Protein backbone atom coordinates (compact mmCIF):
# COMPACT_ATOMS: atom_id res chain seq x y z
CA MET A 1 -23.03 62.71 206.09
CA LYS A 2 -21.68 65.58 208.68
CA LYS A 3 -18.10 66.86 207.69
CA ASP A 4 -15.39 66.95 210.43
CA ILE A 5 -14.21 70.46 212.14
CA GLU A 6 -11.32 71.70 209.70
CA ASN A 7 -11.00 75.34 209.98
CA SER A 8 -11.84 78.56 211.40
CA ALA A 9 -15.51 78.90 210.23
CA ASP A 10 -16.09 75.17 211.72
CA ILE A 11 -14.79 76.44 214.94
CA GLN A 12 -16.70 79.53 214.95
CA LEU A 13 -19.48 77.69 214.03
CA LEU A 14 -19.48 74.85 216.88
CA VAL A 15 -18.94 77.98 219.45
CA ASN A 16 -21.97 79.76 218.33
CA THR A 17 -24.02 77.37 218.47
CA PHE A 18 -22.89 76.13 221.63
CA TYR A 19 -22.87 78.76 223.64
CA ASP A 20 -26.57 79.77 222.24
CA LYS A 21 -27.42 77.05 224.50
CA VAL A 22 -25.26 77.54 226.90
CA LYS A 23 -26.88 81.29 227.46
CA GLU A 24 -30.48 79.47 227.66
CA ASP A 25 -29.33 76.77 230.23
CA PRO A 26 -31.09 76.80 233.30
CA ASN A 27 -28.19 74.82 235.25
CA ILE A 28 -25.04 77.02 233.45
CA GLY A 29 -26.56 79.87 231.98
CA PHE A 30 -26.56 82.12 234.86
CA PHE A 31 -22.63 81.98 235.27
CA PHE A 32 -22.19 83.90 231.92
CA SER A 33 -25.23 86.36 232.57
CA GLU A 34 -25.32 86.82 236.14
CA ILE A 35 -21.97 85.41 238.23
CA ILE A 36 -19.81 87.17 235.61
CA PRO A 37 -21.76 89.00 232.78
CA VAL A 38 -19.90 87.91 229.71
CA ASN A 39 -19.32 90.47 227.16
CA TRP A 40 -19.70 87.79 224.38
CA ASN A 41 -18.27 90.21 221.71
CA THR A 42 -14.81 89.35 223.54
CA HIS A 43 -15.56 86.20 225.08
CA LEU A 44 -16.61 84.28 221.57
CA PRO A 45 -13.33 85.48 219.60
CA ARG A 46 -11.21 84.43 222.96
CA MET A 47 -12.84 81.15 222.66
CA TYR A 48 -12.66 80.46 219.02
CA SER A 49 -9.01 80.78 219.66
CA PHE A 50 -8.36 78.57 222.21
CA TRP A 51 -10.44 75.86 220.44
CA GLU A 52 -8.45 76.75 217.23
CA SER A 53 -5.31 76.01 219.23
CA VAL A 54 -6.96 72.75 220.96
CA LEU A 55 -8.33 71.53 217.87
CA LEU A 56 -6.15 72.70 214.93
CA GLY A 57 -2.95 73.18 216.57
CA GLU A 58 -3.23 77.13 215.71
CA ALA A 59 -0.90 78.68 218.44
CA SER A 60 -3.45 81.96 218.86
CA TYR A 61 -4.78 81.59 222.51
CA LYS A 62 -3.73 83.94 224.79
CA GLY A 63 -5.22 83.00 228.17
CA ASN A 64 -5.74 81.33 231.71
CA PRO A 65 -8.66 79.55 231.50
CA VAL A 66 -7.76 77.67 235.15
CA LEU A 67 -7.38 81.38 236.63
CA LYS A 68 -10.14 82.49 235.42
CA HIS A 69 -12.40 79.33 236.81
CA VAL A 70 -11.04 80.32 240.15
CA GLU A 71 -11.92 83.50 239.96
CA ILE A 72 -15.88 82.34 239.02
CA ASN A 73 -15.43 79.42 241.99
CA GLN A 74 -14.63 82.15 244.27
CA LYS A 75 -18.05 83.95 243.33
CA HIS A 76 -19.91 81.12 242.67
CA PRO A 77 -18.94 77.15 243.43
CA LEU A 78 -18.45 75.52 240.62
CA GLN A 79 -19.77 71.54 241.03
CA GLN A 80 -19.18 68.69 239.21
CA ALA A 81 -22.59 68.86 237.83
CA HIS A 82 -22.04 72.25 236.28
CA PHE A 83 -19.09 71.02 234.26
CA GLY A 84 -21.65 67.80 233.15
CA LYS A 85 -23.95 70.30 232.08
CA TRP A 86 -21.41 72.00 230.01
CA LEU A 87 -19.90 68.89 228.67
CA GLU A 88 -22.70 67.47 227.86
CA LEU A 89 -24.47 70.34 225.34
CA TRP A 90 -20.74 70.72 224.32
CA LYS A 91 -20.91 67.00 222.99
CA GLN A 92 -24.66 67.45 221.77
CA THR A 93 -23.72 70.37 219.65
CA ILE A 94 -20.54 68.60 218.51
CA ASP A 95 -22.72 65.22 217.36
CA GLU A 96 -25.38 67.68 215.53
CA LEU A 97 -22.87 69.69 213.82
CA PHE A 98 -19.44 67.23 212.86
CA GLU A 99 -18.33 63.93 212.57
CA GLY A 100 -14.79 62.91 212.17
CA PRO A 101 -11.77 62.61 214.09
CA THR A 102 -11.28 66.36 215.02
CA ALA A 103 -14.78 66.03 216.19
CA LEU A 104 -13.92 62.84 218.50
CA CYS A 105 -11.19 64.78 219.97
CA ALA A 106 -13.25 67.70 220.52
CA GLN A 107 -15.64 65.45 222.27
CA LYS A 108 -12.99 63.88 224.39
CA LYS A 109 -10.15 66.60 225.01
CA PRO A 110 -12.66 68.53 227.91
CA GLU A 111 -12.98 65.20 229.36
CA GLN A 112 -9.57 65.58 230.53
CA MET A 113 -9.37 69.74 230.75
CA ILE A 114 -12.50 69.54 233.55
CA ALA A 115 -10.56 67.22 235.49
CA ILE A 116 -7.55 69.39 235.75
CA MET A 117 -10.16 72.41 236.02
CA MET A 118 -11.84 70.84 239.08
CA SER A 119 -8.34 69.55 241.30
CA LYS A 120 -6.89 73.29 240.33
CA ILE A 121 -10.21 74.90 241.61
CA ASN A 122 -10.63 72.23 244.39
CA PRO A 123 -7.01 71.52 245.46
CA ILE A 124 -7.86 70.89 249.09
CA SER A 125 -10.66 68.41 248.41
CA ILE A 126 -8.53 66.53 245.80
CA SER A 127 -5.97 66.36 248.13
CA VAL A 128 -7.93 65.08 251.10
CA LEU A 129 -9.28 62.44 248.72
CA SER A 130 -5.45 61.42 247.89
CA GLY A 131 -4.61 61.22 251.05
CA ASN A 132 -7.66 59.41 251.93
CA ARG A 133 -7.01 56.63 249.07
CA GLN A 134 -3.49 56.21 250.43
CA ASN A 135 -4.38 55.91 254.24
CA SER A 136 -6.78 52.67 252.90
CA LEU A 137 -4.03 51.17 251.00
């Protein structure tokens, strides 16, 4: 039986294993190597802090992930398929390593985050869709 995500060591294992997959993925890996070349020595600790805040309730993360993704989107458009692949790899990694309530939360929480992120990255398309939906009612 696998254990749940319980502490910083678990978060580090999750994040490291996940990003090992991301780096190798032909659909999204290039964002991290070519579009915005990532310094993994600073990015990984930032991601540990982010996920510790989200999943363990630690208030250690300081940053603005929406702004960072807006900057990336300006260099290369982020599509729903990119976020979908990210989510697929994330869930796959969690399934391989963990099970339990926090692991389940770790799988579900990014779905909400992605919806918010997409609305911030592409507010015009969201508002147009909302307007179209209202007009069709």
